C-alpha atoms as a PDB file:
ATOM      1  CA  MET A   1       7.810  10.657   3.919  1.00  0.00           C
ATOM      2  CA  ARG A   2       7.134   9.651   0.115  1.00  0.00           C
ATOM      3  CA  ALA A   3      10.930   9.471  -0.506  1.00  0.00           C
ATOM      4  CA  ARG A   4      11.563   7.545   2.898  1.00  0.00           C
ATOM      5  CA  ALA A   5       8.762   5.345   1.414  1.00  0.00           C
ATOM      6  CA  ALA A   6       9.990   4.749  -1.717  1.00  0.00           C
ATOM      7  CA  ALA A   7      13.757   3.882  -0.315  1.00  0.00           C
ATOM      8  CA  TRP A   8      11.909   1.617   1.726  1.00  0.00           C
ATOM      9  CA  LEU A   9      10.186  -0.074  -0.791  1.00  0.00           C
ATOM     10  CA  GLY A  10      12.894  -1.027  -2.997  1.00  0.00           C
ATOM     11  CA  ALA A  11      14.875  -2.451  -0.114  1.00  0.00           C
ATOM     12  CA  ARG A  12      12.228  -5.141  -0.065  1.00  0.00           C
ATOM     13  CA  VAL A  13      13.838  -8.810   0.311  1.00  0.00           C
ATOM     14  CA  PRO A  14      12.725 -10.411  -1.770  1.00  0.00           C
ATOM     15  CA  ALA A  15      12.200  -7.782  -4.586  1.00  0.00           C
ATOM     16  CA  ALA A  16       8.482  -7.388  -6.178  1.00  0.00           C
ATOM     17  CA  PRO A  17       8.281  -8.439  -9.600  1.00  0.00           C
ATOM     18  CA  LEU A  18       9.345  -5.594 -12.131  1.00  0.00           C
ATOM     19  CA  PRO A  19       6.111  -4.713 -13.243  1.00  0.00           C
ATOM     20  CA  LEU A  20       4.711  -5.071  -9.562  1.00  0.00           C
ATOM     21  CA  ALA A  21       7.275  -2.983  -8.510  1.00  0.00           C
ATOM     22  CA  ASP A  22       6.579  -0.268 -11.196  1.00  0.00           C
ATOM     23  CA  ARG A  23       3.061  -0.284 -10.049  1.00  0.00           C
ATOM     24  CA  LEU A  24       3.898   0.498  -6.447  1.00  0.00           C
ATOM     25  CA  ALA A  25       6.199   3.408  -7.741  1.00  0.00           C
ATOM     26  CA  ARG A  26       3.532   4.784  -9.597  1.00  0.00           C
ATOM     27  CA  VAL A  27       0.667   4.462  -6.868  1.00  0.00           C
ATOM     28  CA  LEU A  28       3.472   6.318  -4.430  1.00  0.00           C
ATOM     29  CA  ALA A  29       4.483   9.072  -6.685  1.00  0.00           C
ATOM     30  CA  ALA A  30       0.600   9.447  -7.734  1.00  0.00           C
ATOM     31  CA  ALA A  31      -0.523   9.431  -4.199  1.00  0.00           C
ATOM     32  CA  PRO A  32      -2.463  12.847  -2.993  1.00  0.00           C
ATOM     33  CA  GLU A  33      -0.435  14.838  -0.568  1.00  0.00           C
ATOM     34  CA  GLU A  34      -3.052  14.389   2.058  1.00  0.00           C
ATOM     35  CA  VAL A  35      -2.974  10.883   2.240  1.00  0.00           C
ATOM     36  CA  VAL A  36       1.154  11.269   3.013  1.00  0.00           C
ATOM     37  CA  ALA A  37       0.687  13.690   5.168  1.00  0.00           C
ATOM     38  CA  ARG A  38      -2.109  11.931   7.394  1.00  0.00           C
ATOM     39  CA  THR A  39       0.673   9.253   8.286  1.00  0.00           C
ATOM     40  CA  ALA A  40       2.934   9.069  10.835  1.00  0.00           C
ATOM     41  CA  THR A  41       4.563   5.749  10.390  1.00  0.00           C
ATOM     42  CA  MET A  42       5.590   3.673   7.617  1.00  0.00           C
ATOM     43  CA  SER A  43       3.002   1.145   8.389  1.00  0.00           C
ATOM     44  CA  GLU A  44       0.020   3.572   8.302  1.00  0.00           C
ATOM     45  CA  LEU A  45       1.455   4.911   5.062  1.00  0.00           C
ATOM     46  CA  MET A  46       1.536   1.392   3.238  1.00  0.00           C
ATOM     47  CA  ALA A  47      -2.051   0.784   4.472  1.00  0.00           C
ATOM     48  CA  GLU A  48      -2.736   3.845   3.096  1.00  0.00           C
ATOM     49  CA  LEU A  49      -1.347   3.211  -0.287  1.00  0.00           C
ATOM     50  CA  GLY A  50      -3.189  -0.166  -0.032  1.00  0.00           C
ATOM     51  CA  ILE A  51      -6.648   1.175   0.562  1.00  0.00           C
ATOM     52  CA  GLU A  52      -6.275   3.630  -1.760  1.00  0.00           C
ATOM     53  CA  THR A  53      -5.347   1.276  -4.598  1.00  0.00           C
ATOM     54  CA  LEU A  54      -8.036  -0.981  -3.995  1.00  0.00           C
ATOM     55  CA  GLY A  55     -10.699   1.737  -3.619  1.00  0.00           C
ATOM     56  CA  ALA A  56      -9.673   3.610  -6.718  1.00  0.00           C
ATOM     57  CA  PRO A  57     -11.477   2.897  -9.752  1.00  0.00           C
ATOM     58  CA  THR A  58      -9.391   2.290 -12.461  1.00  0.00           C
ATOM     59  CA  GLY A  59     -11.865   2.004 -15.780  1.00  0.00           C
ATOM     60  CA  ALA A  60      -9.973  -1.435 -16.645  1.00  0.00           C
ATOM     61  CA  ASP A  61     -11.708  -4.500 -17.663  1.00  0.00           C
ATOM     62  CA  PRO A  62     -12.190  -6.218 -14.374  1.00  0.00           C
ATOM     63  CA  ARG A  63     -10.379  -9.214 -16.244  1.00  0.00           C
ATOM     64  CA  SER A  64      -7.399  -7.512 -17.614  1.00  0.00           C
ATOM     65  CA  PRO A  65      -3.981  -7.330 -16.593  1.00  0.00           C
ATOM     66  CA  ASP A  66      -3.955  -4.071 -15.392  1.00  0.00           C
ATOM     67  CA  ALA A  67      -6.815  -4.871 -13.011  1.00  0.00           C
ATOM     68  CA  ALA A  68      -4.972  -7.656 -11.477  1.00  0.00           C
ATOM     69  CA  LEU A  69      -2.188  -5.803 -11.278  1.00  0.00           C
ATOM     70  CA  ASP A  70      -4.062  -3.154  -9.185  1.00  0.00           C
ATOM     71  CA  LEU A  71      -5.404  -5.867  -6.965  1.00  0.00           C
ATOM     72  CA  LEU A  72      -1.895  -7.048  -6.809  1.00  0.00           C
ATOM     73  CA  ALA A  73      -0.632  -3.642  -5.843  1.00  0.00           C
ATOM     74  CA  ALA A  74      -3.449  -3.170  -2.901  1.00  0.00           C
ATOM     75  CA  ASP A  75      -2.518  -6.510  -1.252  1.00  0.00           C
ATOM     76  CA  ALA A  76       1.177  -5.900  -1.499  1.00  0.00           C
ATOM     77  CA  PHE A  77       0.672  -2.710  -0.066  1.00  0.00           C
ATOM     78  CA  VAL A  78      -1.524  -4.087   3.036  1.00  0.00           C
ATOM     79  CA  THR A  79       1.216  -7.008   3.481  1.00  0.00           C
ATOM     80  CA  TYR A  80       3.881  -4.151   3.496  1.00  0.00           C
ATOM     81  CA  ALA A  81       2.166  -2.397   6.319  1.00  0.00           C
ATOM     82  CA  PHE A  82       2.174  -5.478   8.560  1.00  0.00           C
ATOM     83  CA  GLU A  83       6.183  -5.811   7.684  1.00  0.00           C
ATOM     84  CA  ALA A  84       6.358  -2.418   8.637  1.00  0.00           C
ATOM     85  CA  ALA A  85       4.093  -2.571  11.713  1.00  0.00           C
ATOM     86  CA  VAL A  86       6.689  -5.258  12.657  1.00  0.00           C
ATOM     87  CA  GLU A  87      10.005  -3.365  11.950  1.00  0.00           C
ATOM     88  CA  GLU A  88       8.408  -0.516  13.707  1.00  0.00           C
ATOM     89  CA  GLY A  89       6.955  -2.305  16.664  1.00  0.00           C
ATOM     90  CA  VAL A  90       3.763  -1.125  16.324  1.00  0.00           C
ATOM     91  CA  GLU A  91       0.735  -3.362  17.312  1.00  0.00           C
ATOM     92  CA  VAL A  92      -0.872  -5.454  14.459  1.00  0.00           C
ATOM     93  CA  GLY A  93      -4.377  -5.743  16.154  1.00  0.00           C
ATOM     94  CA  PRO A  94      -5.103  -1.943  15.959  1.00  0.00           C
ATOM     95  CA  LEU A  95      -3.629  -1.489  12.508  1.00  0.00           C
ATOM     96  CA  VAL A  96      -5.933  -4.549  10.901  1.00  0.00           C
ATOM     97  CA  ASP A  97      -8.933  -2.977  13.198  1.00  0.00           C
ATOM     98  CA  ARG A  98      -8.009   0.427  11.259  1.00  0.00           C
ATOM     99  CA  ILE A  99      -7.372  -1.270   7.973  1.00  0.00           C
ATOM    100  CA  LEU A 100     -10.984  -3.370   8.284  1.00  0.00           C
ATOM    101  CA  ALA A 101     -13.056  -0.395   9.365  1.00  0.00           C
ATOM    102  CA  ARG A 102     -11.671   1.887   6.303  1.00  0.00           C
ATOM    103  CA  VAL A 103     -12.669  -0.845   3.627  1.00  0.00           C
ATOM    104  CA  GLY A 104     -16.110  -1.631   5.263  1.00  0.00           C
ATOM    105  CA  GLY A 105     -15.217  -5.291   6.813  1.00  0.00           C
ATOM    106  CA  SER A 106     -16.319  -4.718  10.298  1.00  0.00           C
END
């Protein structure tokens, strides 16, 4: 699934700006295997990566470009989760509910 996700991310049009694309690729490559293994669809994996990125402590100054890039990456992964859901024919409502439940928004 990791290789498929890397190819899927690389095929997005329009492409993410290079710094963001690099961060997305690094997050995907560094994602723990248990995170990747617990997903059955691209939409689930993108959502998991977004949640993981949002919750990962970076130790960076919250005003730094690195912290901003982490937030952009989390946002991009969640956005891609919805794109993937549409491509896969997955209902978006339950996906939203799962994401909100995981980040404490409901």
